[in-house]
Protein backbone atom coordinates (compact mmCIF):
# COMPACT_ATOMS: atom_id res chain seq x y z
CA MET A 1 -31.05 -5.55 -20.56
CA SER A 2 -28.05 -7.84 -20.82
CA HIS A 3 -28.14 -11.58 -20.35
CA ARG A 4 -25.96 -11.12 -17.27
CA HIS A 5 -28.58 -8.88 -15.69
CA ALA A 6 -31.33 -11.36 -16.45
CA VAL A 7 -29.41 -14.17 -14.81
CA THR A 8 -28.28 -12.18 -11.78
CA ALA A 9 -31.63 -10.71 -10.93
CA GLY A 10 -33.21 -14.00 -9.93
CA CYS A 11 -30.21 -15.95 -8.68
CA VAL A 12 -29.84 -17.48 -5.25
CA LEU A 13 -26.74 -18.41 -3.32
CA ALA A 14 -25.22 -21.47 -4.97
CA ILE A 15 -21.99 -23.32 -5.52
CA THR A 16 -20.94 -22.32 -9.02
CA ALA A 17 -18.15 -22.96 -11.47
CA LEU A 18 -16.16 -19.78 -12.10
CA GLY A 19 -16.45 -18.91 -15.75
CA LEU A 20 -16.20 -15.83 -17.93
CA MET A 21 -19.26 -15.14 -20.04
CA VAL A 22 -18.72 -13.35 -23.34
CA VAL A 23 -21.32 -10.57 -23.59
CA PRO A 24 -22.26 -9.04 -26.96
CA ALA A 25 -21.64 -5.34 -27.25
CA VAL A 26 -24.79 -3.33 -26.75
CA ALA A 27 -23.46 -0.53 -28.89
CA GLY A 28 -20.61 0.33 -31.19
CA ARG A 29 -17.23 0.92 -29.61
CA ARG A 30 -13.99 2.63 -30.44
CA THR A 31 -10.84 0.64 -31.05
CA ALA A 32 -7.17 1.50 -30.85
CA ASP A 33 -6.30 1.62 -34.53
CA THR A 34 -4.49 4.90 -34.10
CA PRO A 35 -2.32 5.37 -30.99
CA VAL A 36 -2.98 8.58 -29.11
CA VAL A 37 0.16 8.24 -27.02
CA PRO A 38 3.15 10.12 -28.50
CA SER A 39 5.26 8.03 -30.87
CA VAL A 40 8.33 8.60 -28.73
CA TRP A 41 6.77 6.57 -25.92
CA GLN A 42 8.71 3.42 -25.08
CA PRO A 43 7.42 0.52 -22.95
CA PRO A 44 9.27 -0.33 -19.73
CA PRO A 45 12.35 -2.53 -20.29
CA GLY A 46 11.49 -6.22 -20.61
CA MET A 47 7.73 -5.72 -20.49
CA ILE A 48 7.04 -6.43 -24.17
CA ASP A 49 9.00 -9.69 -24.05
CA ALA A 50 7.23 -10.74 -20.86
CA LEU A 51 3.79 -10.00 -22.33
CA ARG A 52 4.65 -11.99 -25.45
CA ARG A 53 5.81 -14.91 -23.35
CA ASP A 54 3.05 -14.93 -20.72
CA LEU A 55 0.02 -13.79 -22.72
CA GLY A 56 0.94 -15.42 -26.02
CA LEU A 57 0.98 -12.10 -27.90
CA SER A 58 2.96 -10.89 -30.87
CA ARG A 59 5.18 -7.88 -30.41
CA ASP A 60 2.66 -5.65 -32.21
CA GLN A 61 -0.18 -6.96 -30.03
CA ALA A 62 1.79 -6.38 -26.85
CA GLU A 63 2.63 -2.82 -27.86
CA ALA A 64 -0.99 -2.13 -28.89
CA ARG A 65 -2.22 -3.51 -25.59
CA LEU A 66 -0.05 -1.14 -23.56
CA LEU A 67 -1.08 1.82 -25.72
CA ASN A 68 -4.77 0.95 -25.32
CA GLU A 69 -4.44 0.58 -21.57
CA ALA A 70 -2.82 4.01 -21.36
CA ARG A 71 -5.49 5.54 -23.61
CA LEU A 72 -8.50 4.02 -21.83
CA ALA A 73 -7.40 4.62 -18.22
CA PRO A 74 -8.41 8.32 -18.12
CA ILE A 75 -11.73 7.51 -19.82
CA GLU A 76 -12.52 4.97 -17.10
CA GLU A 77 -11.58 7.44 -14.39
CA LYS A 78 -13.88 10.11 -15.87
CA LEU A 79 -16.85 7.73 -16.17
CA ARG A 80 -16.33 6.34 -12.68
CA GLY A 81 -16.64 9.86 -11.30
CA ARG A 82 -19.64 10.80 -13.42
CA LEU A 83 -21.65 7.66 -12.62
CA GLY A 84 -21.05 7.91 -8.88
CA ASP A 85 -23.18 5.47 -6.88
CA ARG A 86 -24.49 3.92 -10.09
CA PHE A 87 -21.00 2.76 -11.15
CA GLY A 88 -20.84 -1.04 -11.20
CA GLY A 89 -17.19 -1.58 -12.10
CA SER A 90 -15.12 -1.66 -15.28
CA TRP A 91 -12.89 -4.05 -17.19
CA LEU A 92 -10.91 -4.33 -20.43
CA MET A 93 -11.76 -6.82 -23.14
CA GLY A 94 -9.99 -8.12 -26.22
CA THR A 95 -6.55 -9.48 -27.01
CA THR A 96 -5.10 -5.99 -27.14
CA ALA A 97 -7.39 -4.55 -24.43
CA GLN A 98 -9.10 -2.53 -27.13
CA THR A 99 -12.51 -2.40 -25.42
CA LEU A 100 -13.36 -0.72 -22.13
CA VAL A 101 -16.56 -2.02 -20.54
CA VAL A 102 -18.21 0.21 -17.92
CA ALA A 103 -21.06 -1.18 -15.83
CA THR A 104 -23.93 0.87 -14.45
CA THR A 105 -27.19 0.22 -12.64
CA SER A 106 -29.06 2.78 -14.78
CA ALA A 107 -29.90 2.50 -18.48
CA ALA A 108 -29.96 6.28 -18.59
CA ASP A 109 -26.14 6.23 -18.42
CA ILE A 110 -25.76 4.32 -21.69
CA PRO A 111 -25.46 7.38 -23.99
CA GLN A 112 -22.70 9.03 -22.00
CA ILE A 113 -20.76 5.79 -21.67
CA ILE A 114 -20.88 5.28 -25.45
CA ALA A 115 -19.99 8.91 -26.07
CA ALA A 116 -16.88 8.55 -23.91
CA GLY A 117 -15.71 5.62 -26.03
CA ALA A 118 -16.64 2.69 -23.78
CA GLN A 119 -19.09 -0.19 -23.96
CA PRO A 120 -21.96 -0.03 -21.44
CA GLU A 121 -23.16 -2.94 -19.31
CA ILE A 122 -26.30 -2.87 -17.16
CA VAL A 123 -25.95 -4.65 -13.78
CA THR A 124 -28.13 -5.17 -10.74
CA ARG A 125 -25.75 -3.95 -8.03
CA SER A 126 -23.42 -0.99 -7.98
CA LEU A 127 -19.88 -1.26 -6.74
CA SER A 128 -20.86 0.81 -3.72
CA GLN A 129 -23.42 -1.89 -2.85
CA LEU A 130 -21.01 -4.79 -3.33
CA ILE A 131 -18.18 -3.35 -1.23
CA PRO A 132 -20.06 -3.44 2.12
CA ILE A 133 -21.11 -7.05 1.46
CA LYS A 134 -17.50 -8.07 0.90
CA ARG A 135 -16.37 -6.21 4.01
CA ARG A 136 -18.95 -8.08 6.06
CA LEU A 137 -17.74 -11.40 4.64
CA ASP A 138 -14.13 -10.36 5.34
CA GLU A 139 -15.05 -9.88 8.99
CA ALA A 140 -17.08 -13.07 9.38
CA LEU A 141 -15.51 -15.81 7.25
CA PRO A 142 -11.82 -15.90 8.28
CA VAL A 143 -12.70 -17.02 11.80
CA HIS A 144 -14.26 -20.22 10.41
CA PRO A 145 -11.94 -23.04 9.28
CA ARG A 146 -14.40 -23.74 6.45
CA GLY A 147 -15.01 -20.10 5.60
CA GLY A 148 -13.00 -20.12 2.39
CA SER A 149 -9.51 -18.89 1.55
CA VAL A 150 -10.17 -15.97 -0.82
CA ARG A 151 -12.91 -13.36 -1.30
CA TYR A 152 -13.13 -10.81 -4.10
CA ILE A 153 -15.57 -8.65 -6.07
CA ASP A 154 -16.13 -10.05 -9.56
CA VAL A 155 -17.40 -6.98 -11.43
CA LYS A 156 -17.90 -8.96 -14.63
CA ASN A 157 -20.48 -11.14 -12.92
CA ASN A 158 -21.66 -8.46 -10.47
CA LYS A 159 -21.08 -10.66 -7.41
CA ILE A 160 -18.82 -11.40 -4.48
CA VAL A 161 -16.89 -14.62 -5.11
CA VAL A 162 -15.70 -16.81 -2.25
CA LEU A 163 -13.15 -19.52 -3.05
CA SER A 164 -13.45 -22.52 -0.76
CA ALA A 165 -12.12 -26.05 -0.45
CA ALA A 166 -15.32 -26.92 1.46
CA PRO A 167 -17.99 -25.05 -0.52
CA THR A 168 -21.03 -26.71 1.03
CA GLU A 169 -19.95 -25.73 4.54
CA THR A 170 -19.00 -22.24 3.36
CA VAL A 171 -22.47 -21.70 1.90
CA GLU A 172 -24.06 -22.56 5.23
CA ILE A 173 -21.74 -20.18 7.08
CA ILE A 174 -22.56 -17.32 4.70
CA LYS A 175 -26.28 -17.81 5.34
CA THR A 176 -25.67 -16.86 8.98
CA VAL A 177 -23.72 -13.68 8.20
CA GLY A 178 -26.69 -11.52 7.30
CA VAL A 179 -25.79 -10.43 3.77
CA ASP A 180 -27.70 -10.63 0.50
CA THR A 181 -26.86 -14.21 -0.44
CA ALA A 182 -27.95 -13.61 -4.03
CA ALA A 183 -24.91 -11.38 -4.37
CA VAL A 184 -22.48 -14.13 -3.35
CA SER A 185 -21.11 -17.11 -5.29
CA VAL A 186 -19.10 -19.83 -3.59
CA VAL A 187 -16.65 -21.43 -6.00
CA PRO A 188 -14.91 -24.77 -5.27
CA SER A 189 -11.17 -24.15 -5.18
CA THR A 190 -7.97 -25.71 -3.88
CA GLU A 191 -6.26 -22.30 -3.84
CA GLN A 192 -4.45 -21.72 -0.55
CA PRO A 193 -2.54 -18.44 -0.78
CA ARG A 194 0.66 -18.07 1.17
CA LEU A 195 3.17 -15.30 1.59
CA PHE A 196 6.35 -15.25 -0.42
CA TYR A 197 9.66 -13.97 0.90
CA ASP A 198 12.96 -13.41 -0.83
CA LEU A 199 16.24 -14.93 0.26
CA ARG A 200 18.85 -12.21 -0.03
CA GLY A 201 22.43 -12.13 1.11
CA GLY A 202 23.01 -10.15 4.29
CA ASP A 203 19.46 -10.41 5.62
CA ALA A 204 18.87 -11.76 9.11
CA TYR A 205 17.65 -15.22 10.00
CA TYR A 206 17.13 -16.80 13.39
CA ILE A 207 18.09 -20.14 14.90
CA GLY A 208 15.81 -20.84 17.81
CA PRO A 209 14.24 -18.01 19.80
CA THR A 210 17.29 -15.78 20.30
CA SER A 211 20.26 -16.60 18.04
CA ARG A 212 20.61 -14.43 14.92
CA CYS A 213 22.90 -14.82 11.93
CA SER A 214 22.96 -13.56 8.34
CA VAL A 215 22.15 -15.16 5.00
CA GLY A 216 25.16 -15.74 2.80
CA PHE A 217 24.07 -16.61 -0.75
CA SER A 218 21.07 -18.30 -2.32
CA VAL A 219 21.70 -21.83 -3.56
CA THR A 220 19.89 -24.82 -4.96
CA ARG A 221 20.42 -28.54 -4.57
CA GLY A 222 18.50 -30.30 -7.29
CA THR A 223 14.93 -29.08 -6.87
CA GLN A 224 15.56 -27.84 -3.33
CA ASN A 225 16.10 -24.16 -2.50
CA GLY A 226 18.22 -22.77 0.29
CA PHE A 227 21.12 -20.59 1.29
CA VAL A 228 24.63 -20.91 2.70
CA SER A 229 25.83 -19.43 5.96
CA ALA A 230 28.35 -20.01 8.75
CA GLY A 231 28.58 -23.39 10.48
CA HIS A 232 28.92 -21.93 13.96
CA CYS A 233 25.42 -20.41 13.60
CA GLY A 234 23.74 -23.74 14.25
CA LYS A 235 23.95 -27.51 14.05
CA ALA A 236 22.36 -29.71 11.41
CA GLY A 237 18.69 -30.22 12.20
CA SER A 238 18.22 -26.79 13.78
CA VAL A 239 15.06 -24.99 12.67
CA THR A 240 15.34 -21.46 11.27
CA THR A 241 13.00 -18.52 10.89
CA GLY A 242 13.45 -15.55 8.58
CA PHE A 243 14.12 -11.87 9.20
CA ASN A 244 10.38 -11.53 9.85
CA ARG A 245 10.28 -14.50 12.27
CA VAL A 246 8.23 -16.51 9.78
CA ALA A 247 9.03 -20.24 9.50
CA GLN A 248 11.87 -20.58 7.02
CA GLY A 249 13.66 -23.92 6.98
CA VAL A 250 16.12 -26.31 8.60
CA ILE A 251 19.91 -26.52 8.63
CA ARG A 252 20.73 -29.56 6.49
CA GLY A 253 24.50 -29.44 6.77
CA SER A 254 26.86 -27.73 9.21
CA ALA A 255 30.59 -27.92 9.90
CA PHE A 256 32.37 -26.14 12.76
CA PRO A 257 35.17 -26.06 13.82
CA ILE A 258 37.80 -27.16 11.22
CA SER A 259 35.57 -25.42 8.65
CA ASP A 260 32.85 -22.83 9.25
CA MET A 261 30.12 -23.59 6.75
CA ALA A 262 26.45 -24.53 6.65
CA TRP A 263 23.53 -24.69 4.28
CA VAL A 264 19.87 -24.19 5.08
CA LEU A 265 17.01 -25.88 3.21
CA VAL A 266 14.04 -23.48 3.01
CA ASN A 267 10.33 -24.11 2.61
CA GLY A 268 8.19 -23.06 -0.34
CA ASN A 269 7.43 -19.61 1.07
CA TRP A 270 10.99 -18.47 0.41
CA THR A 271 12.39 -17.67 -3.03
CA PRO A 272 16.16 -17.64 -3.59
CA ARG A 273 17.40 -14.45 -5.22
CA ALA A 274 20.77 -13.71 -6.76
CA LEU A 275 21.10 -10.59 -4.65
CA VAL A 276 23.11 -9.25 -1.75
CA SER A 277 21.76 -6.40 0.35
CA ASN A 278 23.88 -3.27 0.32
CA GLY A 279 21.90 -1.36 2.92
CA GLY A 280 20.08 0.79 0.39
CA THR A 281 16.42 0.86 -0.59
CA GLY A 282 14.43 0.07 -3.72
CA ARG A 283 16.36 -0.75 -6.88
CA ASN A 284 19.55 0.48 -5.27
CA GLY A 285 19.16 -1.77 -2.24
CA ALA A 286 21.00 -4.83 -3.52
CA VAL A 287 23.81 -5.92 -5.80
CA PRO A 288 23.52 -8.88 -8.19
CA VAL A 289 25.44 -12.12 -7.91
CA ALA A 290 26.84 -13.29 -11.25
CA GLY A 291 29.27 -16.03 -10.23
CA SER A 292 31.83 -17.20 -7.69
CA ARG A 293 35.21 -16.50 -9.24
CA ALA A 294 37.73 -16.02 -6.46
CA ALA A 295 39.11 -12.48 -6.31
CA ILE A 296 42.85 -11.80 -6.28
CA GLU A 297 44.56 -10.81 -3.05
CA GLY A 298 44.47 -7.04 -2.80
CA ALA A 299 41.10 -6.86 -4.57
CA SER A 300 38.28 -4.90 -3.03
CA VAL A 301 35.60 -6.91 -1.27
CA CYS A 302 32.38 -5.94 0.48
CA ARG A 303 30.47 -7.65 3.27
CA SER A 304 26.75 -7.60 4.03
CA GLY A 305 25.36 -8.53 7.43
CA SER A 306 22.24 -8.09 9.51
CA THR A 307 23.98 -6.11 12.27
CA THR A 308 26.21 -3.63 10.49
CA ASP A 309 24.82 -3.80 6.93
CA TRP A 310 27.31 -3.03 4.17
CA HIS A 311 31.07 -2.51 4.67
CA CYS A 312 33.98 -2.84 2.30
CA GLY A 313 37.74 -3.36 2.37
CA THR A 314 40.31 -5.54 0.65
CA ILE A 315 41.36 -9.16 0.61
CA LEU A 316 44.58 -9.45 2.62
CA GLN A 317 45.56 -13.12 2.62
CA ARG A 318 44.12 -16.53 1.78
CA ASP A 319 44.47 -19.91 3.48
CA ALA A 320 44.41 -18.35 6.94
CA SER A 321 44.18 -20.61 9.99
CA VAL A 322 42.31 -19.14 12.94
CA THR A 323 42.16 -20.32 16.53
CA TYR A 324 38.81 -19.47 18.09
CA THR A 325 38.09 -20.38 21.69
CA GLN A 326 35.69 -22.98 20.25
CA GLY A 327 38.37 -24.58 18.05
CA ASN A 328 40.55 -24.17 14.99
CA VAL A 329 39.25 -23.25 11.55
CA PHE A 330 41.41 -23.60 8.45
CA GLU A 331 41.51 -22.24 4.89
CA LEU A 332 39.74 -18.98 5.65
CA THR A 333 40.34 -15.71 3.79
CA ARG A 334 41.53 -12.71 5.79
CA THR A 335 40.22 -9.18 5.08
CA ASN A 336 40.32 -5.72 6.61
CA VAL A 337 36.53 -5.42 6.47
CA CYS A 338 34.84 -4.86 9.82
CA ALA A 339 32.06 -7.03 11.28
CA GLU A 340 30.17 -7.48 14.54
CA PRO A 341 28.08 -10.16 16.27
CA GLY A 342 25.04 -11.09 14.15
CA ASP A 343 26.92 -10.54 10.88
CA SER A 344 28.04 -14.19 10.92
CA GLY A 345 27.18 -16.10 7.78
CA GLY A 346 26.67 -12.91 5.77
CA SER A 347 27.89 -12.36 2.24
CA PHE A 348 31.34 -11.38 1.04
CA ILE A 349 31.21 -10.24 -2.59
CA SER A 350 33.75 -8.71 -4.97
CA ILE A 351 32.03 -6.67 -7.69
CA ASP A 352 29.42 -9.27 -8.68
CA GLN A 353 31.33 -12.43 -7.70
CA ALA A 354 30.43 -14.30 -4.52
CA GLN A 355 33.50 -14.82 -2.32
CA GLY A 356 32.34 -16.42 0.92
CA VAL A 357 30.43 -16.18 4.18
CA THR A 358 31.48 -14.30 7.31
CA SER A 359 33.17 -16.46 9.94
CA GLY A 360 34.66 -14.22 12.65
CA GLY A 361 37.30 -11.64 13.43
CA SER A 362 38.33 -8.90 15.77
CA GLY A 363 37.56 -5.23 16.19
CA ASN A 364 34.27 -3.59 15.26
CA CYS A 365 32.78 -1.19 12.74
CA ASN A 366 33.47 1.88 14.87
CA SER A 367 37.21 1.43 15.29
CA GLY A 368 37.81 -0.94 12.37
CA GLY A 369 38.68 -4.59 12.40
CA THR A 370 39.80 -7.76 10.69
CA THR A 371 37.27 -10.31 9.47
CA TYR A 372 37.65 -13.81 8.02
CA PHE A 373 35.35 -15.53 5.57
CA GLN A 374 34.80 -19.14 4.58
CA PRO A 375 35.28 -19.34 0.78
CA ILE A 376 32.02 -19.99 -1.09
CA ASN A 377 33.36 -22.52 -3.58
CA GLU A 378 34.37 -24.92 -0.82
CA ILE A 379 30.86 -24.74 0.61
CA LEU A 380 29.28 -25.43 -2.78
CA ALA A 381 31.59 -28.36 -3.40
CA THR A 382 31.22 -29.89 0.06
CA TYR A 383 27.40 -29.97 -0.02
CA GLY A 384 26.85 -30.36 -3.78
CA LEU A 385 25.12 -26.98 -4.08
CA THR A 386 24.60 -24.65 -7.03
CA LEU A 387 24.92 -20.91 -6.63
CA VAL A 388 21.90 -18.90 -7.79
CA THR A 389 23.04 -16.12 -10.12
CA ASP A 390 21.35 -13.26 -11.91
CA SER A 391 21.79 -15.00 -15.26
CA GLY A 392 20.46 -18.34 -14.08
CA VAL A 393 22.76 -20.73 -12.26
CA ILE A 394 26.32 -21.83 -12.51
CA PRO A 395 27.45 -25.38 -11.83
CA SER A 396 29.05 -26.29 -8.55
CA PRO A 397 32.82 -26.42 -8.57
CA ALA A 398 34.34 -29.84 -8.75
CA VAL A 399 33.94 -31.62 -5.45
CA ARG A 400 37.19 -31.86 -3.60
CA THR A 401 38.07 -33.55 -0.37
CA PRO A 402 37.23 -31.29 2.61
CA SER A 403 39.94 -30.29 5.03
CA PRO A 404 40.86 -33.23 7.29
CA ALA A 405 39.45 -33.20 10.78
CA THR A 406 42.93 -33.58 12.20
CA PRO A 407 45.46 -31.30 10.51
CA THR A 408 48.96 -32.58 9.94
CA ARG A 409 50.52 -29.37 11.18
CA THR A 410 49.99 -27.24 14.24
CA PRO A 411 47.40 -24.55 13.43
CA THR A 412 48.80 -21.05 13.53
CA PRO A 413 46.55 -18.26 14.84
CA ALA A 414 46.01 -15.47 12.35
CA PRO A 415 48.14 -12.40 13.17
CA VAL A 416 45.53 -10.19 14.79
CA THR A 417 45.83 -7.84 17.72
CA ARG A 418 43.08 -9.57 19.65
CA THR A 419 41.77 -13.09 19.81
CA PRO A 420 39.30 -13.46 16.93
CA VAL A 421 35.81 -14.62 17.76
CA PRO A 422 32.95 -15.84 15.57
CA ALA A 423 30.98 -12.81 14.47
CA ARG A 424 27.68 -14.08 15.76
């Protein structure tokens, strides 16, 4: 009987430190000296480098680890099925994952586990006994403020682990649940999991309960993360929520009219990505952002927005002055890309170069239209922001003096067939 079994059999519910106990092998085991995967096999792109970086492995160790994992997976699946209700879990051991440990509640299973090429471990409780205990804790603990933040089955220690910032209170709560307390360990922890969401150009965000606009591009300002959008979407200080209506951030800077630009500071749940949605799904659902070099007039340009998704056209003219009913906006870029309300603030991108954020226009995406965007480099310069790119970041363009609040010449409406309006 293993030391783990001897300890577990007589334990009582306690606050414990979470540690991994090294258990001697109870029998000889096979190693991965000779790969059984065909030599033509190649690891997924970037995985070897990531394993070397994050696990501190050499290239040979990283490759051996992946080969061992592929070799041992079907062995684990076969033993899991054969052991049935006696199966107590499984795990890999060793720097290169060269050892598969399979736990069982019956010593009679040891020969077949060894014969399959795994290391046996005798435990008190099977996995089928632990699962109902965890489910009961999942039902009972979340309703208590001191019920702990995380619960999981630790097959190595043959217990349910509850992570809690208030372990003493959590222990008392568990005693009232009606489970085998000897099968539960409460571990002191400050871990407070939260959801993570990506910031991606073209996705929706909300200002207040009803107003919707679109994310332009992800940016940083020092250690702060955020994104740029259109100024007419909201005033500085306005609180925003994401496409999923989860708390997102606050508008830190906004200018409209004269310009039509804003930037939103986001909270730690949101991660800026150098991506713009193109309306697709999976790997093909976004295009990367590599920089912000201004495209030449006549170049193709595509727009992403939360109402009409992905539409493309060409850049017609720069330095366009537009008279909206809310006021004049200067130094916009004019395109023949369509847009509709809700697309405001969304991305304009040419190949992989950020161009600007949607301001307004005329027409629609059924009959066609004209849309104007606020150039991205002016936004970056005005607020001291750095564009997030797929190769890291690029520095903000040199700060230049924003357009004066009172122009020296009479603004000329852009030549459109109908009065342009902000796209929101």
